[in-house]
Protein backbone atom coordinates (compact mmCIF):
# COMPACT_ATOMS: atom_id res chain seq x y z
CA MET A 1 26.79 -9.64 12.00
CA ASN A 2 25.95 -13.17 10.85
CA ARG A 3 24.34 -12.94 7.45
CA HIS A 4 24.55 -16.63 6.65
CA PHE A 5 21.46 -18.16 5.04
CA THR A 6 21.66 -21.85 5.91
CA ALA A 7 20.71 -24.86 3.80
CA LEU A 8 17.62 -25.33 5.98
CA ASP A 9 16.58 -21.73 5.32
CA TRP A 10 17.02 -22.26 1.59
CA GLY A 11 14.93 -25.41 1.84
CA VAL A 12 12.07 -23.56 3.56
CA LEU A 13 12.19 -20.75 1.00
CA ALA A 14 12.32 -23.20 -1.92
CA ALA A 15 9.36 -25.15 -0.52
CA TYR A 16 7.36 -21.92 -0.36
CA PHE A 17 8.08 -21.06 -4.00
CA VAL A 18 7.31 -24.62 -5.18
CA ALA A 19 3.99 -24.61 -3.31
CA THR A 20 3.07 -21.21 -4.72
CA MET A 21 3.78 -22.17 -8.32
CA SER A 22 2.04 -25.54 -7.93
CA ILE A 23 -1.22 -23.85 -6.93
CA GLY A 24 -1.20 -21.81 -10.13
CA PHE A 25 -0.82 -24.88 -12.32
CA TYR A 26 -3.34 -26.86 -10.24
CA PHE A 27 -6.11 -24.37 -11.02
CA TRP A 28 -5.18 -23.96 -14.67
CA ARG A 29 -8.23 -25.80 -16.04
CA ARG A 30 -10.66 -23.83 -13.87
CA SER A 31 -9.45 -20.50 -15.27
CA ARG A 32 -9.77 -21.25 -18.98
CA SER A 33 -12.78 -18.97 -19.39
CA THR A 34 -13.24 -15.23 -18.95
CA GLU A 35 -15.57 -15.78 -16.00
CA GLY A 36 -13.16 -18.25 -14.42
CA PHE A 37 -10.09 -16.06 -14.95
CA THR A 38 -11.64 -12.85 -13.56
CA VAL A 39 -14.13 -13.93 -10.85
CA ALA A 40 -13.51 -17.69 -10.38
CA SER A 41 -16.99 -18.39 -11.80
CA ARG A 42 -18.39 -16.73 -8.63
CA SER A 43 -17.85 -19.95 -6.70
CA LEU A 44 -15.39 -19.34 -3.85
CA PRO A 45 -16.09 -19.63 -0.10
CA GLY A 46 -16.00 -16.45 1.95
CA TRP A 47 -13.20 -17.54 4.27
CA VAL A 48 -10.79 -18.05 1.36
CA CYS A 49 -11.63 -14.65 -0.12
CA GLY A 50 -11.29 -13.12 3.35
CA LEU A 51 -7.78 -14.50 3.81
CA SER A 52 -6.96 -13.23 0.32
CA ILE A 53 -8.15 -9.76 1.34
CA ILE A 54 -5.87 -9.58 4.36
CA ALA A 55 -2.92 -10.96 2.36
CA THR A 56 -3.48 -8.25 -0.25
CA TYR A 57 -3.84 -5.57 2.41
CA LEU A 58 -0.69 -6.58 4.30
CA SER A 59 2.07 -5.98 1.77
CA SER A 60 5.79 -6.41 2.38
CA ILE A 61 5.92 -2.66 3.04
CA SER A 62 3.56 -3.09 6.00
CA TYR A 63 5.38 -6.23 7.14
CA LEU A 64 8.54 -4.21 7.69
CA ALA A 65 7.12 -0.71 8.26
CA LEU A 66 4.62 -1.43 11.04
CA PRO A 67 7.26 -2.77 13.47
CA GLY A 68 9.49 0.10 12.38
CA LYS A 69 6.83 2.66 13.34
CA SER A 70 6.32 1.34 16.86
CA PHE A 71 10.08 0.86 17.34
CA ALA A 72 10.86 4.45 16.40
CA ASP A 73 7.81 6.10 17.96
CA ASN A 74 4.60 4.68 19.42
CA TRP A 75 1.29 3.01 18.53
CA ASN A 76 -0.28 6.11 16.97
CA PRO A 77 -0.44 4.43 13.49
CA PHE A 78 -2.51 1.63 15.06
CA VAL A 79 -5.43 4.09 15.14
CA PHE A 80 -5.54 3.59 11.35
CA SER A 81 -6.41 -0.07 12.02
CA LEU A 82 -9.12 0.92 14.51
CA SER A 83 -10.99 2.74 11.72
CA ILE A 84 -11.30 -0.44 9.65
CA PRO A 85 -14.50 -1.83 11.26
CA ILE A 86 -16.31 1.47 10.56
CA ALA A 87 -15.20 1.55 6.91
CA THR A 88 -16.07 -2.14 6.56
CA TRP A 89 -19.61 -1.59 7.84
CA ILE A 90 -20.13 1.22 5.31
CA ALA A 91 -18.74 -0.91 2.47
CA VAL A 92 -20.89 -3.91 3.43
CA ARG A 93 -23.99 -1.74 3.83
CA TRP A 94 -23.81 0.30 0.61
CA PHE A 95 -21.04 -0.72 -1.79
CA LEU A 96 -21.03 -4.52 -1.67
CA PRO A 97 -24.78 -4.98 -2.47
CA TYR A 98 -24.41 -2.86 -5.60
CA TYR A 99 -21.46 -4.86 -6.91
CA ARG A 100 -23.20 -8.16 -6.24
CA ALA A 101 -26.44 -7.05 -7.91
CA SER A 102 -24.94 -5.25 -10.91
CA GLY A 103 -23.49 -8.32 -12.61
CA GLU A 104 -20.48 -6.21 -13.61
CA VAL A 105 -16.88 -7.29 -13.10
CA SER A 106 -15.41 -3.78 -13.23
CA ALA A 107 -15.81 -1.72 -10.07
CA TYR A 108 -15.96 1.41 -12.20
CA ALA A 109 -19.02 0.48 -14.28
CA LEU A 110 -21.12 2.34 -11.68
CA LEU A 111 -19.44 5.60 -12.63
CA GLU A 112 -20.31 5.17 -16.31
CA HIS A 113 -23.93 4.32 -15.49
CA ARG A 114 -24.25 7.45 -13.34
CA PHE A 115 -22.01 10.04 -14.98
CA GLY A 116 -20.84 8.80 -18.36
CA VAL A 117 -17.84 7.03 -19.82
CA TRP A 118 -15.39 9.78 -18.79
CA ALA A 119 -15.90 8.95 -15.12
CA ARG A 120 -15.21 5.27 -15.70
CA LEU A 121 -12.03 6.05 -17.63
CA TYR A 122 -10.92 8.63 -15.06
CA ALA A 123 -11.09 6.05 -12.29
CA SER A 124 -9.68 3.09 -14.21
CA VAL A 125 -6.76 4.99 -15.77
CA PHE A 126 -5.48 6.13 -12.40
CA TYR A 127 -6.09 2.73 -10.89
CA LEU A 128 -4.04 1.03 -13.62
CA LEU A 129 -1.17 3.51 -13.39
CA THR A 130 -1.17 3.29 -9.60
CA GLN A 131 -0.95 -0.51 -9.75
CA ILE A 132 2.21 -0.34 -11.87
CA ALA A 133 3.79 1.96 -9.30
CA ARG A 134 2.46 -0.14 -6.42
CA MET A 135 3.85 -3.41 -7.79
CA GLY A 136 7.21 -1.79 -8.39
CA VAL A 137 7.40 -0.26 -4.93
CA VAL A 138 6.33 -3.46 -3.17
CA MET A 139 8.89 -5.63 -4.97
CA TYR A 140 11.66 -3.07 -4.64
CA LEU A 141 11.15 -2.43 -0.92
CA MET A 142 10.90 -6.19 -0.32
CA ALA A 143 14.16 -6.87 -2.18
CA LEU A 144 16.19 -3.98 -0.78
CA PRO A 145 16.70 -5.17 2.83
CA MET A 146 17.43 -8.73 1.65
CA ALA A 147 20.07 -7.44 -0.75
CA VAL A 148 21.67 -5.36 2.01
CA ILE A 149 21.53 -7.98 4.78
CA PHE A 150 22.31 -11.19 2.87
CA GLY A 151 24.31 -9.73 -0.01
CA TRP A 152 21.90 -11.05 -2.64
CA ASP A 153 21.65 -9.32 -6.02
CA ILE A 154 18.69 -6.95 -5.75
CA ARG A 155 17.86 -7.21 -9.45
CA LEU A 156 17.79 -11.00 -9.28
CA ILE A 157 15.43 -10.90 -6.27
CA ILE A 158 13.08 -8.56 -8.15
CA LEU A 159 13.19 -10.66 -11.33
CA VAL A 160 12.53 -13.94 -9.49
CA THR A 161 9.60 -12.39 -7.63
CA GLY A 162 8.11 -10.66 -10.66
CA VAL A 163 8.43 -13.65 -12.99
CA SER A 164 7.06 -16.10 -10.40
CA VAL A 165 4.00 -13.97 -9.66
CA THR A 166 3.32 -13.32 -13.33
CA ILE A 167 3.49 -17.04 -14.16
CA TYR A 168 1.03 -18.27 -11.54
CA SER A 169 -1.30 -15.30 -12.15
CA PHE A 170 -1.19 -16.00 -15.91
CA VAL A 171 -1.75 -19.73 -15.58
CA GLY A 172 -4.30 -19.90 -12.77
CA GLY A 173 -6.23 -16.64 -13.01
CA ILE A 174 -7.96 -15.18 -9.98
CA ILE A 175 -8.77 -18.56 -8.45
CA ALA A 176 -5.04 -19.32 -8.20
CA VAL A 177 -4.36 -15.79 -6.96
CA ILE A 178 -6.98 -16.05 -4.20
CA TRP A 179 -6.01 -19.54 -3.02
CA THR A 180 -2.33 -18.59 -3.12
CA ASP A 181 -3.13 -15.42 -1.19
CA ALA A 182 -4.94 -17.49 1.44
CA ILE A 183 -1.91 -19.73 1.97
CA GLN A 184 0.40 -16.71 1.94
CA ALA A 185 -1.78 -15.05 4.59
CA LEU A 186 -1.31 -18.07 6.86
CA VAL A 187 2.46 -18.06 6.21
CA LEU A 188 2.91 -14.37 6.96
CA MET A 189 0.69 -14.46 10.08
CA ALA A 190 2.41 -17.60 11.39
CA GLY A 191 5.80 -16.03 10.77
CA ALA A 192 4.84 -12.90 12.69
CA VAL A 193 3.42 -14.79 15.69
CA ILE A 194 6.44 -17.14 15.90
CA CYS A 195 8.84 -14.21 15.64
CA LEU A 196 7.00 -12.37 18.42
CA GLY A 197 7.28 -15.46 20.62
CA VAL A 198 11.02 -15.73 20.00
CA LEU A 199 11.41 -12.03 20.73
CA LEU A 200 9.50 -12.16 24.01
CA CYS A 201 11.57 -15.15 25.13
CA GLY A 202 14.74 -13.26 24.20
CA VAL A 203 13.96 -10.32 26.49
CA GLU A 204 15.23 -10.84 30.02
CA GLY A 205 12.13 -10.64 32.19
CA GLY A 206 9.77 -11.64 29.37
CA PRO A 207 6.46 -9.90 28.53
CA ALA A 208 6.29 -8.16 31.92
CA GLU A 209 9.60 -6.41 31.26
CA VAL A 210 8.46 -5.40 27.77
CA ILE A 211 5.29 -3.83 29.18
CA ARG A 212 7.18 -2.08 31.99
CA VAL A 213 9.88 -0.53 29.79
CA ALA A 214 7.57 0.33 26.90
CA ALA A 215 4.96 1.92 29.16
CA ALA A 216 7.63 4.01 30.89
CA GLN A 217 8.78 5.27 27.46
CA GLY A 218 5.24 6.02 26.25
CA LYS A 219 5.52 3.43 23.48
CA PHE A 220 1.86 2.35 23.77
CA SER A 221 0.49 5.87 23.21
CA LEU A 222 -2.19 6.18 20.52
CA GLY A 223 -1.54 9.91 20.09
CA GLU A 224 -3.09 13.09 21.44
CA PHE A 225 -6.76 13.02 22.38
CA GLY A 226 -9.29 15.76 22.91
CA ALA A 227 -8.44 19.43 22.49
CA GLY A 228 -5.89 20.48 19.99
CA ALA A 229 -2.30 20.94 20.78
CA ALA A 230 -1.07 21.27 24.29
CA GLN A 231 -2.53 24.77 24.59
CA GLY A 232 -6.04 23.43 24.14
CA THR A 233 -7.08 26.49 22.14
CA VAL A 234 -9.21 24.47 19.72
CA TRP A 235 -11.21 21.29 20.09
CA PHE A 236 -9.56 19.64 17.09
CA ASN A 237 -5.85 19.84 16.32
CA ALA A 238 -5.73 19.39 12.54
CA ALA A 239 -2.04 20.19 12.13
CA ASN A 240 -0.62 17.07 13.81
CA ALA A 241 -1.20 13.31 13.59
CA THR A 242 -3.51 13.22 16.60
CA PHE A 243 -5.82 10.30 17.39
CA LEU A 244 -8.75 11.92 15.57
CA VAL A 245 -6.70 12.94 12.50
CA VAL A 246 -5.34 9.41 12.06
CA LEU A 247 -8.81 7.94 12.66
CA LEU A 248 -10.36 10.15 9.96
CA TYR A 249 -7.50 9.38 7.58
CA GLY A 250 -7.91 5.66 8.18
CA LEU A 251 -11.67 5.85 7.70
CA PHE A 252 -11.46 7.51 4.29
CA ILE A 253 -8.50 5.46 3.04
CA ASN A 254 -10.11 2.20 4.12
CA LEU A 255 -13.42 3.24 2.62
CA GLN A 256 -11.55 3.80 -0.63
CA ASN A 257 -9.89 0.39 -0.31
CA PHE A 258 -12.93 -1.68 0.61
CA GLY A 259 -15.50 0.41 -1.25
CA ILE A 260 -14.04 1.12 -4.69
CA ASP A 261 -10.71 -0.67 -5.15
CA GLN A 262 -10.92 -3.22 -7.97
CA SER A 263 -8.54 -5.51 -6.08
CA TYR A 264 -11.08 -6.02 -3.30
CA VAL A 265 -14.24 -5.73 -5.37
CA GLN A 266 -13.25 -8.81 -7.40
CA ARG A 267 -13.10 -10.83 -4.18
CA TYR A 268 -16.68 -9.85 -3.34
CA ILE A 269 -17.83 -10.84 -6.82
CA ALA A 270 -15.85 -14.11 -6.75
CA SER A 271 -17.67 -15.22 -3.58
CA ARG A 272 -20.39 -17.80 -4.18
CA SER A 273 -23.21 -15.89 -2.45
CA ASP A 274 -24.05 -12.51 -0.95
CA ARG A 275 -23.61 -13.97 2.52
CA GLU A 276 -20.17 -15.34 1.66
CA ALA A 277 -19.20 -11.99 0.14
CA ARG A 278 -20.11 -10.19 3.37
CA LYS A 279 -18.20 -12.82 5.33
CA SER A 280 -15.11 -12.35 3.15
CA LEU A 281 -15.01 -8.61 3.74
CA TRP A 282 -15.65 -8.80 7.48
CA LEU A 283 -13.08 -11.57 7.93
CA GLY A 284 -10.35 -9.99 5.83
CA ALA A 285 -10.82 -6.46 7.10
CA VAL A 286 -11.40 -7.06 10.79
CA LEU A 287 -8.68 -9.73 11.03
CA TYR A 288 -6.21 -7.04 10.04
CA VAL A 289 -6.78 -5.26 13.37
CA PRO A 290 -5.25 -7.96 15.64
CA VAL A 291 -2.66 -8.87 12.99
CA SER A 292 -1.45 -5.27 12.81
CA ALA A 293 -1.40 -5.20 16.62
CA VAL A 294 1.01 -8.16 16.51
CA PHE A 295 3.33 -6.22 14.21
CA PHE A 296 3.20 -3.12 16.40
CA LEU A 297 3.95 -5.31 19.42
CA ILE A 298 6.92 -6.77 17.54
CA GLY A 299 8.25 -3.25 17.04
CA THR A 300 7.74 -2.34 20.69
CA THR A 301 9.44 -5.55 21.81
CA LEU A 302 12.32 -4.87 19.41
CA PHE A 303 12.75 -1.49 21.11
CA VAL A 304 13.09 -3.17 24.51
CA PHE A 305 15.29 -5.94 23.06
CA TYR A 306 17.79 -3.60 21.38
CA HIS A 307 17.95 -1.28 24.39
CA ALA A 308 18.83 -4.10 26.76
CA GLU A 309 22.44 -3.94 27.89
CA GLN A 310 23.48 -7.10 26.03
CA HIS A 311 22.09 -5.90 22.66
CA GLU A 312 22.37 -2.11 22.58
CA ARG A 313 25.76 -2.39 20.86
CA GLU A 314 23.95 -3.84 17.84
CA LEU A 315 22.12 -0.60 16.96
CA PRO A 316 25.22 0.79 15.18
CA GLU A 317 25.05 -2.33 12.97
CA VAL A 318 21.49 -1.40 12.02
CA LYS A 319 22.56 2.16 11.21
CA GLU A 320 25.31 0.76 9.01
CA LEU A 321 22.73 -1.40 7.22
CA VAL A 322 20.60 1.67 6.52
CA ALA A 323 23.68 3.58 5.35
CA ARG A 324 24.60 0.68 3.04
CA GLN A 325 21.05 0.69 1.69
CA ARG A 326 21.06 4.46 1.04
CA LEU A 327 24.40 4.23 -0.75
CA MET A 328 23.06 1.36 -2.85
CA GLN A 329 20.07 3.51 -3.83
CA GLU A 330 22.52 6.20 -4.93
CA GLY A 331 24.43 3.69 -7.05
CA VAL A 332 27.37 3.33 -4.66
CA TYR A 333 28.26 -0.33 -4.10
CA PRO A 334 31.06 -1.90 -2.03
CA PRO A 335 34.02 -3.23 -4.07
CA ARG A 336 33.57 -6.97 -4.64
CA SER A 337 37.18 -7.69 -5.50
CA THR A 338 39.72 -8.42 -2.75
CA ASP A 339 42.72 -7.44 -4.88
CA ALA A 340 45.23 -5.09 -3.34
CA SER A 341 44.50 -2.62 -6.14
CA ASP A 342 40.97 -2.22 -4.77
CA SER A 343 42.04 -1.70 -1.18
CA SER A 344 41.92 2.08 -1.55
CA ARG A 345 38.40 1.89 -3.00
CA ALA A 346 37.32 -0.36 -0.17
CA ALA A 347 38.76 2.04 2.40
CA ALA A 348 37.06 4.99 0.72
CA TYR A 349 33.75 3.12 0.68
CA GLN A 350 34.11 2.25 4.37
CA ARG A 351 34.77 5.88 5.26
CA GLN A 352 31.73 6.94 3.27
CA LEU A 353 29.65 4.22 4.94
CA SER A 354 30.77 5.20 8.45
CA ALA A 355 30.13 8.88 7.82
CA ARG A 356 26.64 8.19 6.50
CA ALA A 357 25.79 5.85 9.40
CA ALA A 358 26.89 8.47 11.93
CA GLN A 359 24.26 10.87 10.57
CA PHE A 360 21.32 8.61 11.42
CA ARG A 361 19.28 8.90 14.55
CA GLU A 362 17.53 5.93 16.08
CA THR A 363 14.20 7.07 14.64
CA ASP A 364 15.68 6.91 11.12
CA VAL A 365 16.42 3.17 11.20
CA GLY A 366 13.18 1.66 12.52
CA ASP A 367 12.24 -0.09 9.26
CA ARG A 368 15.50 -2.06 9.24
CA VAL A 369 15.54 -3.28 12.85
CA PHE A 370 13.14 -6.15 12.12
CA PRO A 371 15.16 -7.51 9.13
CA HIS A 372 18.32 -7.23 11.25
CA PHE A 373 16.70 -9.30 13.99
CA ILE A 374 15.48 -11.90 11.49
CA ALA A 375 18.94 -12.32 9.97
CA LYS A 376 20.94 -12.31 13.19
CA HIS A 377 18.82 -13.71 16.01
CA LEU A 378 16.38 -16.25 14.53
CA PRO A 379 17.54 -19.88 14.43
CA PRO A 380 18.03 -21.71 11.09
CA GLY A 381 14.72 -22.61 9.53
CA LEU A 382 12.84 -19.77 11.21
CA THR A 383 14.94 -17.27 9.27
CA GLY A 384 13.83 -19.00 6.07
CA LEU A 385 10.20 -18.94 7.26
CA LEU A 386 10.30 -15.20 7.98
CA ILE A 387 11.96 -14.44 4.64
CA ALA A 388 9.29 -16.59 2.97
CA ALA A 389 6.68 -14.57 4.87
CA ILE A 390 8.13 -11.31 3.53
CA PHE A 391 8.05 -12.78 0.01
CA ALA A 392 4.46 -13.90 0.66
CA ALA A 393 3.42 -10.41 1.74
CA ALA A 394 4.90 -8.94 -1.45
CA MET A 395 3.69 -11.61 -3.86
CA SER A 396 0.09 -11.59 -2.60
CA THR A 397 -0.13 -7.85 -3.23
CA VAL A 398 1.51 -8.04 -6.65
CA SER A 399 -0.59 -10.98 -7.87
CA THR A 400 -3.78 -9.17 -6.87
CA SER A 401 -2.68 -6.04 -8.73
CA LEU A 402 -1.86 -8.13 -11.81
CA ASN A 403 -5.21 -9.91 -12.00
CA SER A 404 -7.30 -6.84 -11.24
CA SER A 405 -5.39 -4.75 -13.79
CA ALA A 406 -5.78 -7.41 -16.48
CA THR A 407 -9.50 -7.59 -15.70
CA LEU A 408 -9.93 -3.82 -16.07
CA LEU A 409 -7.93 -3.71 -19.30
CA MET A 410 -10.21 -6.36 -20.77
CA THR A 411 -13.57 -5.01 -19.49
CA ASP A 412 -13.03 -1.25 -19.53
CA TYR A 413 -10.90 -0.97 -22.68
CA TYR A 414 -10.63 -4.01 -24.95
CA ARG A 415 -14.30 -5.09 -24.83
CA ARG A 416 -15.59 -1.55 -24.30
CA PHE A 417 -13.76 0.29 -27.10
CA PHE A 418 -11.74 -2.03 -29.34
CA ASN A 419 -13.84 -5.16 -29.83
CA ARG A 420 -17.40 -4.93 -28.56
CA GLN A 421 -18.27 -8.29 -30.14
CA ALA A 422 -15.20 -10.08 -28.81
CA SER A 423 -15.54 -13.84 -28.49
CA GLU A 424 -14.77 -15.78 -25.33
CA ARG A 425 -11.41 -16.85 -26.75
CA GLN A 426 -10.48 -13.29 -27.76
CA CYS A 427 -11.32 -11.97 -24.29
CA LEU A 428 -9.25 -14.71 -22.68
CA LEU A 429 -6.28 -13.90 -24.94
CA ALA A 430 -6.65 -10.24 -23.98
CA LEU A 431 -6.51 -11.22 -20.30
CA TYR A 432 -3.38 -13.30 -20.87
CA ALA A 433 -1.68 -10.49 -22.79
CA ALA A 434 -2.63 -7.89 -20.17
CA THR A 435 -1.30 -10.08 -17.35
CA ILE A 436 2.08 -10.46 -19.07
CA ALA A 437 2.23 -6.77 -20.00
CA TRP A 438 1.42 -5.49 -16.51
CA GLY A 439 3.72 -8.07 -14.95
CA ALA A 440 6.55 -6.79 -17.13
CA LEU A 441 5.70 -3.16 -16.36
CA GLY A 442 5.53 -3.77 -12.61
CA THR A 443 8.82 -5.67 -12.61
CA GLY A 444 10.38 -3.00 -14.80
CA MET A 445 9.21 -0.31 -12.38
CA ALA A 446 10.86 -2.18 -9.50
CA LEU A 447 14.12 -2.41 -11.46
CA LEU A 448 13.86 1.29 -12.31
CA LEU A 449 13.47 2.14 -8.63
CA VAL A 450 16.91 0.68 -8.00
CA LYS A 451 18.23 3.82 -9.71
CA LEU A 452 15.36 6.23 -9.01
CA THR A 453 15.59 8.50 -5.99
CA GLU A 454 13.06 8.16 -3.19
CA SER A 455 12.07 11.80 -3.58
CA ALA A 456 11.10 11.20 -7.21
CA LEU A 457 8.97 8.30 -6.07
CA ASP A 458 7.35 10.49 -3.41
CA ILE A 459 6.39 13.09 -5.98
CA TRP A 460 4.79 10.39 -8.16
CA TRP A 461 2.62 9.29 -5.23
CA THR A 462 1.74 12.92 -4.53
CA LEU A 463 0.73 13.61 -8.13
CA SER A 464 -1.27 10.39 -8.41
CA GLY A 465 -2.98 11.31 -5.15
CA ILE A 466 -3.86 14.75 -6.51
CA PHE A 467 -5.40 13.59 -9.77
CA GLY A 468 -6.70 10.19 -8.67
CA GLY A 469 -7.82 11.23 -5.21
CA GLY A 470 -11.30 12.11 -6.39
CA MET A 471 -12.42 8.54 -7.04
CA CYS A 472 -13.89 7.85 -3.60
CA GLY A 473 -15.84 11.10 -3.56
CA LEU A 474 -17.15 10.40 -7.06
CA PHE A 475 -18.37 6.95 -5.99
CA LEU A 476 -20.04 8.36 -2.89
CA LEU A 477 -21.72 11.04 -4.99
CA GLY A 478 -23.08 8.39 -7.35
CA LEU A 479 -24.40 6.24 -4.52
CA MET A 480 -25.74 8.92 -2.18
CA SER A 481 -27.30 11.43 -4.57
CA ARG A 482 -29.70 10.25 -7.26
CA ARG A 483 -30.06 13.85 -8.46
CA ALA A 484 -26.36 14.23 -9.26
CA LYS A 485 -25.71 14.07 -13.00
CA ASN A 486 -22.69 14.59 -15.22
CA PRO A 487 -22.24 18.38 -14.66
CA ALA A 488 -22.38 17.94 -10.89
CA ALA A 489 -19.81 15.14 -11.07
CA VAL A 490 -17.42 17.18 -13.23
CA ALA A 491 -17.71 20.20 -10.92
CA GLY A 492 -17.22 18.00 -7.87
CA VAL A 493 -14.09 16.32 -9.24
CA LEU A 494 -12.57 19.68 -10.24
CA ALA A 495 -13.27 21.06 -6.75
CA GLY A 496 -11.80 17.97 -5.11
CA VAL A 497 -8.65 18.06 -7.25
CA LEU A 498 -8.16 21.76 -6.43
CA VAL A 499 -8.53 21.10 -2.70
CA ILE A 500 -6.08 18.18 -2.86
CA LEU A 501 -3.64 20.26 -4.95
CA TRP A 502 -3.81 23.09 -2.40
CA MET A 503 -3.18 20.74 0.51
CA SER A 504 -0.35 18.96 -1.35
CA PHE A 505 1.35 22.19 -2.48
CA PRO A 506 3.93 22.29 0.38
CA LYS A 507 5.12 18.80 -0.55
CA LEU A 508 5.49 19.78 -4.21
CA VAL A 509 7.56 22.83 -3.24
CA ASP A 510 9.73 20.74 -0.91
CA PHE A 511 10.39 18.34 -3.79
CA LEU A 512 11.45 21.23 -6.01
CA LEU A 513 13.83 22.48 -3.31
CA THR A 514 15.27 19.00 -2.75
CA GLN A 515 15.94 18.38 -6.44
CA SER A 516 17.45 21.78 -7.24
CA ALA A 517 19.63 22.61 -4.23
CA GLY A 518 21.85 25.58 -5.04
CA GLY A 519 20.46 26.23 -8.53
CA PRO A 520 18.12 28.91 -9.92
CA ALA A 521 15.12 26.62 -9.41
CA TYR A 522 16.04 26.39 -5.73
CA ARG A 523 15.92 30.16 -5.32
CA TRP A 524 12.67 30.26 -7.26
CA GLY A 525 11.24 27.56 -4.99
CA LEU A 526 12.25 29.47 -1.86
CA ALA A 527 10.61 32.63 -3.20
CA LEU A 528 7.49 30.66 -4.12
CA ARG A 529 7.24 29.12 -0.67
CA GLU A 530 7.72 32.50 1.01
CA SER A 531 5.15 34.28 -1.15
CA ALA A 532 2.64 31.44 -0.74
CA SER A 533 3.15 31.00 2.99
CA GLY A 534 0.00 32.94 3.78
CA TRP A 535 -2.33 30.59 1.92
CA MET A 536 -0.59 27.24 2.30
CA SER A 537 -2.65 24.51 3.91
CA PRO A 538 -2.28 24.42 7.71
CA PHE A 539 -3.69 20.90 7.85
CA HIS A 540 -1.82 17.64 8.31
CA ALA A 541 -1.21 15.62 5.14
CA PHE A 542 -3.40 12.81 6.51
CA LEU A 543 -6.44 15.07 5.97
CA VAL A 544 -5.87 15.36 2.20
CA PRO A 545 -8.15 12.40 1.28
CA VAL A 546 -10.69 13.53 3.88
CA PHE A 547 -11.10 17.08 2.60
CA GLY A 548 -10.72 16.06 -1.04
CA THR A 549 -13.51 13.50 -0.79
CA LEU A 550 -15.80 15.85 1.14
CA ALA A 551 -15.21 18.63 -1.41
CA ILE A 552 -16.31 16.40 -4.28
CA LEU A 553 -19.36 15.20 -2.40
CA LEU A 554 -20.51 18.61 -1.16
CA VAL A 555 -19.91 20.50 -4.42
CA GLY A 556 -21.55 17.73 -6.44
CA VAL A 557 -24.65 17.71 -4.25
CA LEU A 558 -24.83 21.53 -4.26
CA ILE A 559 -24.56 21.77 -8.06
CA SER A 560 -27.18 19.07 -8.56
CA ARG A 561 -29.61 20.88 -6.25
CA LEU A 562 -29.01 24.23 -7.98
CA ARG A 563 -29.60 22.69 -11.41
CA ARG A 564 -32.78 21.00 -10.20
CA SER A 565 -34.00 24.27 -8.72
CA GLY A 566 -33.22 26.07 -11.97
CA ARG A 567 -35.23 23.57 -14.02
CA ARG A 568 -38.25 24.06 -11.76
CA ARG A 569 -38.20 27.88 -12.26
CA PRO A 570 -36.68 28.45 -15.71
CA GLU A 571 -37.76 32.12 -15.95
CA GLU A 572 -36.95 33.18 -12.41
CA GLY A 573 -34.14 35.70 -12.16
CA LEU A 574 -33.92 36.39 -15.94
CA PRO A 575 -34.02 40.16 -16.50
CA GLY A 576 -36.31 41.35 -19.20
CA ALA A 577 -38.05 38.00 -19.57
């Protein structure tokens, strides 16, 4: 495989980084106030904020994972995108007007107004911790395929990305972040469209052949419709990722993104008018639907491309790339020295690599087919553009997380608890310090992931989902029920966390079994799974946020009604009164 990154590719990538950093310094003077740093003095046009929204939404994970999904399976994940217009309408109708009218910068001020300071801290703590993990994951998963394909040092890639993003976020504030995001959105969309064009031209027979082969293989399927499994015994199959399950999952996740996520809320507030704020959300959210379709079409076309007679011999190369990546994650690197003394180590590594690659099925390597195509089949210059697009997808997400986290640390903690009378200069210094701190933590997390196992990362996401999964339901309770007070909110959150914990229990047990194979904990985990098999959740994992949110909402409303009824008839039902 040709892994050569030409001088032209380096030039394109360097131009991207220079342009990105220049924007941060260009807007330096306009971010030298708290209002300018956090919400761009509420002066930005809706189209810029909209492009920033889609750049934030489309991380480097999505840039590589979406084609991988449609390559390995079908278009079932595209149903997630189809739910976006519904979630957007709800956010525009109920959430956005509140944020615009409140005058608050923190998305979680609503929770304090309705339920007390605990609710605000509950939401913001989990948001801040999740952003550290998110930044680390995005940078790590962006750097990993580049390190494997081009032989670059993965730690250097992470450091360059983390330091660059932290600098322009620190210097330019949210106005630099949003304008940079807008340019990055254009870069990543242009890269995807150009790559799709090259792919279609590379398939013998063109688009017609892609449609013919993919349709014959069921690659355009959106999943099962109608009655549950093949037996049709129930109207709704909740155990598999059917069309309806993915649609519900997408609706609740996107409602959480566009309704309560600080990253997006700041874009609404930064818009110069209510009309521009609505435009930003509709543009950024709805534009994701055709953009994601382009990525799914790339994956489908890659399937046809790599199964053509002249390219099918390249799939073993992709499996070897994945094997090399897995070994790298386990701390096993190829010998760099060419000395004769290392020949035995090199041979041992090659045997280990070949054995690992032989274990993979085609469905296991979908995420790495797109990077393989970029490195091997794109002409010089376009390879640099696509690598720049992957950097853009990562950096736009990380910069947004940095600015929103710094904003929350200043509004929800520094000015709320530590210095209520903080001056403008003190607040600005707090924002600067928070940006540097969270940039260092996010970059450190990415470097830690180089050694951390994927299963450990999975369990972190599961735990954060369990304890932080109640935020959307809590917001909905605050907006939809004026009767709901603090006791109803506490009861609702506890109910939601219990439901989410119950539905996530199988994944927690699987993690225990994975981490303790052969030991006493493994036997204990097997016994636990067997004894709990009767009450384990039968529902698909995609329904966790759905049921968790509904549990909070329903229990909160019920408790508030019961308390209201009790206040109306204080003596009713009291024996001996």
